Protein backbone atom coordinates (compact mmCIF):
# COMPACT_ATOMS: atom_id res chain seq x y z
CA MET A 1 7.29 -25.94 -11.70
CA ALA A 2 8.21 -22.30 -12.76
CA GLY A 3 10.21 -19.89 -10.24
CA PRO A 4 8.66 -18.57 -7.15
CA LEU A 5 5.23 -17.08 -6.74
CA GLN A 6 6.11 -13.29 -6.65
CA ILE A 7 3.76 -11.08 -4.59
CA LEU A 8 4.33 -7.54 -4.24
CA MET A 9 2.68 -5.28 -1.91
CA LEU A 10 3.11 -1.32 -2.32
CA GLN A 11 2.23 -0.16 0.89
CA GLY A 12 1.76 2.68 3.23
CA ASP A 13 2.32 2.89 6.93
CA ALA A 14 -0.51 1.08 7.95
CA GLU A 15 0.48 -1.91 5.65
CA ALA A 16 4.05 -1.40 6.83
CA ARG A 17 3.17 -2.27 10.39
CA LEU A 18 0.28 -4.92 9.95
CA CYS A 19 2.36 -7.16 7.27
CA ALA A 20 5.60 -6.39 8.73
CA ASP A 21 6.26 -10.18 9.45
CA ALA A 22 4.18 -11.26 5.84
CA ALA A 23 7.32 -12.83 4.89
CA ALA A 24 7.91 -15.08 7.73
CA PHE A 25 4.23 -15.70 7.88
CA LEU A 26 3.16 -16.58 4.46
CA GLN A 27 5.68 -19.43 3.42
CA PRO A 28 4.78 -21.71 6.27
CA ALA A 29 1.09 -21.06 5.64
CA LEU A 30 1.73 -22.08 1.70
CA PRO A 31 4.36 -24.79 2.09
CA HIS A 32 4.09 -26.21 -1.22
CA ARG A 33 5.10 -23.25 -3.44
CA GLU A 34 8.20 -21.02 -2.95
CA LEU A 35 6.89 -17.67 -2.34
CA GLN A 36 8.48 -14.31 -2.94
CA TRP A 37 7.33 -11.38 -1.10
CA THR A 38 8.33 -7.64 -1.94
CA ALA A 39 7.18 -4.67 0.38
CA LEU A 40 7.74 -1.30 -1.16
CA TRP A 41 6.33 2.34 -0.10
CA ALA A 42 3.57 3.24 -2.20
CA PRO A 43 3.75 6.35 -4.64
CA ARG A 44 0.61 8.63 -4.98
CA ALA A 45 -1.52 6.96 -7.33
CA ASP A 46 -1.23 9.04 -10.29
CA MET A 47 2.46 8.55 -10.10
CA LEU A 48 2.20 4.83 -11.30
CA SER A 49 1.31 5.76 -14.69
CA PRO A 50 4.13 4.98 -17.31
CA GLY A 51 4.16 8.89 -18.47
CA ALA A 52 4.85 10.10 -14.69
CA PRO A 53 8.45 11.28 -13.83
CA PRO A 54 10.53 8.76 -12.01
CA PRO A 55 11.51 9.17 -8.41
CA PRO A 56 13.88 12.07 -7.83
CA ALA A 57 17.17 10.72 -8.82
CA SER A 58 19.26 12.82 -6.63
CA LEU A 59 17.30 11.83 -3.74
CA LEU A 60 17.89 7.97 -4.74
CA GLY A 61 21.84 8.39 -4.75
CA ARG A 62 21.60 9.83 -1.41
CA GLY A 63 19.89 6.81 0.19
CA ILE A 64 16.80 9.16 0.87
CA LEU A 65 14.73 7.39 -1.35
CA PRO A 66 14.56 3.25 -1.78
CA ALA A 67 16.99 2.37 -4.53
CA GLN A 68 13.99 0.22 -6.43
CA ASP A 69 11.48 2.06 -8.47
CA PRO A 70 7.92 1.02 -7.89
CA ARG A 71 6.89 0.89 -11.37
CA ALA A 72 9.97 -1.50 -12.23
CA ALA A 73 8.61 -3.89 -9.61
CA LEU A 74 5.32 -3.82 -11.24
CA ALA A 75 6.39 -5.01 -14.45
CA ARG A 76 8.09 -7.95 -12.82
CA PRO A 77 5.75 -11.03 -13.32
CA ASN A 78 3.75 -10.69 -10.30
CA ALA A 79 1.17 -13.50 -9.55
CA LEU A 80 -0.51 -10.90 -6.90
CA VAL A 81 0.20 -7.18 -6.36
CA ILE A 82 -1.64 -5.54 -3.71
CA LEU A 83 -1.88 -1.65 -3.79
CA GLY A 84 -2.49 1.12 -1.03
CA LEU A 85 -4.50 4.08 -1.85
CA LEU A 86 -4.96 5.48 1.75
CA PRO A 87 -1.46 7.47 1.47
CA SER A 88 -2.45 9.18 -1.81
CA VAL A 89 -5.68 10.62 0.04
CA LEU A 90 -4.02 11.42 3.64
CA LEU A 91 -0.19 12.65 2.74
CA PRO A 92 1.09 15.22 0.47
CA ALA A 93 3.52 14.42 -2.43
CA LEU A 94 7.15 16.16 -2.14
CA ARG A 95 8.09 17.30 -5.47
CA HIS A 96 11.91 17.59 -6.25
CA ARG A 97 13.21 20.69 -7.96
CA ASP A 98 14.91 18.37 -10.69
CA GLY A 99 11.38 16.80 -11.19
CA GLY A 100 9.83 13.73 -9.83
CA ALA A 101 7.85 13.35 -6.88
CA PHE A 102 7.18 11.06 -3.69
CA ILE A 103 5.21 10.48 -0.44
CA ALA A 104 7.14 10.72 2.52
CA HIS A 105 5.77 7.96 4.37
CA ALA A 106 6.07 8.17 8.17
CA GLY A 107 8.23 4.81 8.12
CA LEU A 108 10.22 6.04 4.98
CA ARG A 109 11.33 9.29 7.04
CA ALA A 110 11.89 7.46 10.19
CA GLY A 111 14.98 6.11 8.39
CA TRP A 112 16.24 9.84 7.41
CA THR A 113 19.34 11.25 9.26
CA ALA A 114 18.75 14.91 10.27
CA ALA A 115 20.98 16.12 7.32
CA GLN A 116 18.44 14.04 5.08
CA ALA A 117 15.37 15.52 6.39
CA GLU A 118 16.83 19.01 5.95
CA ALA A 119 17.87 18.35 2.39
CA VAL A 120 14.08 17.19 1.58
CA ALA A 121 13.00 20.34 3.08
CA ALA A 122 14.81 22.47 0.86
CA GLU A 123 14.88 20.73 -2.34
CA CYS A 124 10.79 19.51 -2.38
CA VAL A 125 7.78 21.23 -2.34
CA GLU A 126 4.36 19.86 -1.35
CA GLU A 127 1.75 19.13 -3.33
CA PRO A 128 -1.68 18.73 -1.69
CA PRO A 129 -2.75 14.96 -1.78
CA LEU A 130 -5.62 13.24 -4.21
CA SER A 131 -9.05 13.43 -3.11
CA PRO A 132 -10.58 9.93 -2.55
CA ALA A 133 -12.37 9.89 -6.15
CA ASP A 134 -9.45 11.00 -7.76
CA ALA A 135 -6.98 8.47 -6.66
CA ALA A 136 -9.39 5.95 -7.40
CA ALA A 137 -9.53 7.21 -10.73
CA ALA A 138 -5.53 7.33 -11.08
CA LEU A 139 -5.18 3.89 -10.05
CA GLU A 140 -7.76 2.33 -12.21
CA PRO A 141 -5.22 2.39 -15.51
CA THR A 142 -2.46 0.57 -13.51
CA ILE A 143 -5.11 -2.27 -12.14
CA ALA A 144 -6.29 -2.65 -15.76
CA HIS A 145 -2.35 -3.08 -16.84
CA LEU A 146 -1.28 -5.33 -14.23
CA GLN A 147 -4.82 -7.61 -14.75
CA GLU A 148 -3.97 -7.46 -18.72
CA ALA A 149 -0.44 -8.80 -17.91
CA GLY A 150 -1.98 -12.03 -16.13
CA ALA A 151 -1.86 -10.32 -12.30
CA ALA A 152 -3.92 -10.38 -9.76
CA VAL A 153 -4.68 -7.24 -8.24
CA ALA A 154 -6.04 -6.00 -4.71
CA VAL A 155 -6.07 -3.12 -3.00
CA SER A 156 -6.24 -2.40 0.54
CA ASN A 157 -8.86 -0.86 2.40
CA ALA A 158 -8.31 1.36 5.84
CA PHE A 159 -9.29 0.58 9.54
CA ARG A 160 -11.93 2.81 10.18
CA HIS A 161 -10.85 3.37 13.50
CA VAL A 162 -9.10 6.99 14.30
CA ARG A 163 -7.90 7.92 17.77
CA GLU A 164 -6.94 11.17 19.30
CA PRO A 165 -5.30 13.42 19.11
CA LEU A 166 -4.92 13.45 15.23
CA ALA A 167 -1.73 14.29 14.03
CA HIS A 168 -3.29 14.83 10.86
CA ARG A 169 -6.11 16.99 12.29
CA ARG A 170 -6.74 19.82 9.76
CA PRO A 171 -8.43 23.15 10.15
CA PRO A 172 -12.64 23.63 9.89
CA GLY A 173 -13.67 22.97 6.45
CA PRO A 174 -11.74 19.89 4.63
CA PRO A 175 -12.95 16.70 5.42
CA SER A 176 -11.57 15.01 8.79
CA LEU A 177 -9.54 12.27 8.77
CA ARG A 178 -12.30 10.03 10.12
CA GLU A 179 -14.02 11.14 6.95
CA LEU A 180 -11.30 10.52 4.44
CA VAL A 181 -10.77 7.30 5.66
CA ARG A 182 -14.54 6.36 5.13
CA ARG A 183 -14.72 7.85 1.62
CA THR A 184 -11.35 6.24 0.78
CA ASN A 185 -13.10 3.08 1.67
CA LEU A 186 -16.41 3.30 -0.16
CA GLU A 187 -14.15 4.57 -3.39
CA ILE A 188 -11.77 1.20 -2.86
CA ALA A 189 -15.27 -0.90 -2.57
CA HIS A 190 -16.37 1.14 -6.00
CA LEU A 191 -13.11 0.46 -7.51
CA SER A 192 -13.57 -3.53 -6.89
CA HIS A 193 -16.71 -3.05 -8.55
CA ARG A 194 -15.70 -1.33 -11.84
CA THR A 195 -12.06 -3.47 -12.55
CA GLY A 196 -13.05 -6.74 -10.82
CA CYS A 197 -9.75 -6.22 -8.26
CA PHE A 198 -9.87 -7.98 -4.79
CA VAL A 199 -10.01 -5.99 -1.48
CA LEU A 200 -7.45 -6.92 1.15
CA ASP A 201 -9.94 -5.84 3.69
CA VAL A 202 -8.19 -5.06 6.69
CA ASP A 203 -11.30 -3.08 8.06
CA ARG A 204 -13.66 -5.93 8.77
CA PRO A 205 -11.96 -8.06 10.62
CA LEU A 206 -10.34 -5.02 12.94
CA ALA A 207 -13.42 -3.95 13.22
CA GLN A 208 -14.96 -6.69 14.77
CA GLU A 209 -12.57 -6.59 17.94
CA GLY A 210 -12.48 -3.00 18.10
CA GLY A 211 -9.51 -0.15 17.81
CA ALA A 212 -9.46 0.07 21.94
CA ALA A 213 -9.27 -3.46 22.46
CA LEU A 214 -6.34 -4.12 19.65
CA GLY A 215 -4.48 -0.76 20.02
CA ALA A 216 -4.85 -0.16 16.34
CA ASP A 217 -5.96 2.49 13.98
CA CYS A 218 -5.96 3.72 10.21
CA PHE A 219 -2.18 3.93 10.36
CA GLY A 220 -1.94 0.21 11.35
CA GLY A 221 -1.23 -1.80 14.56
CA ASP A 222 0.58 -5.37 15.64
CA GLY A 223 0.11 -8.07 17.61
CA ARG A 224 -3.23 -9.23 17.37
CA ALA A 225 -4.13 -6.80 14.78
CA ALA A 226 -1.62 -7.84 12.70
CA GLU A 227 -2.37 -11.58 13.06
CA LEU A 228 -5.87 -10.72 11.99
CA VAL A 229 -4.96 -9.12 8.71
CA LEU A 230 -2.27 -11.71 7.91
CA ASP A 231 -5.02 -14.18 8.07
CA GLU A 232 -6.91 -12.29 5.85
CA LEU A 233 -3.79 -12.04 3.79
CA ILE A 234 -3.89 -15.41 3.52
CA GLY A 235 -7.41 -15.64 2.41
CA LEU A 236 -7.10 -13.05 -0.17
CA ILE A 237 -3.81 -14.97 -1.89
CA PHE A 238 -6.26 -18.54 -2.03
CA ASP A 239 -9.18 -16.28 -3.40
CA ALA A 240 -7.36 -14.46 -5.95
CA LEU A 241 -4.88 -16.98 -7.48
CA PRO A 242 -6.13 -20.31 -9.21
CA ASP A 243 -5.39 -23.77 -7.82
CA GLU A 244 -2.91 -24.50 -10.29
CA VAL A 245 -0.94 -21.39 -8.88
CA LEU A 246 -1.12 -22.78 -5.41
CA PRO A 247 -0.49 -26.75 -5.85
CA GLN A 248 -1.59 -28.93 -2.79
CA GLU A 249 0.01 -31.70 -1.48
CA GLU A 250 -1.52 -34.70 -2.80
CA PRO A 251 -3.19 -37.35 -0.19
């Protein structure tokens, strides 16, 4: 049989929490095929296009950003690629003075030293997030390119539950966080209809048990919330990949 089955997730903070144990969870659940799970921080949707500048080299060299360019990971022979869209809508991009930009996910920032955080603040300027419609439109060419290369593609939606206080609260006028999550999930559904991509539906299973009971919201969760999403991930893998890719044990 060919090499390991490669699954790539470009994640936001929610996916990073909910799927933190994916590598350990997936292989026992799919024992008849060697799996290779890779999770990288998602760039903004428009930064995945071939013409977008690469991540800032000076930040890569100082360990502020992960060494691997997500676009290089997308070019591998992935069987399944899962794309997170919500960070493109909620978080500003940081544009470096030497070119290139990135999203400073909370999980990424957590690994920075004080000196690294100060360097980012001094060398980068913020660019506003994309609207849900613009983010979905920007992701569409990437989905088409991956599908043409033979990969199954899924986009992760977001759990609609939003807890107070909201660190991302904005002044009156722009859409609230809750409304941005709702619009993003709707755009992901439209994107699936247009492109035929799958949806890693984290909203439905979590909503059935409730955010308060699970201690989870649109930024993720752990414990029971993670179990539900990992079960959904297994279902997605079986739905998205053909039987010959996931051989079963002969009786």
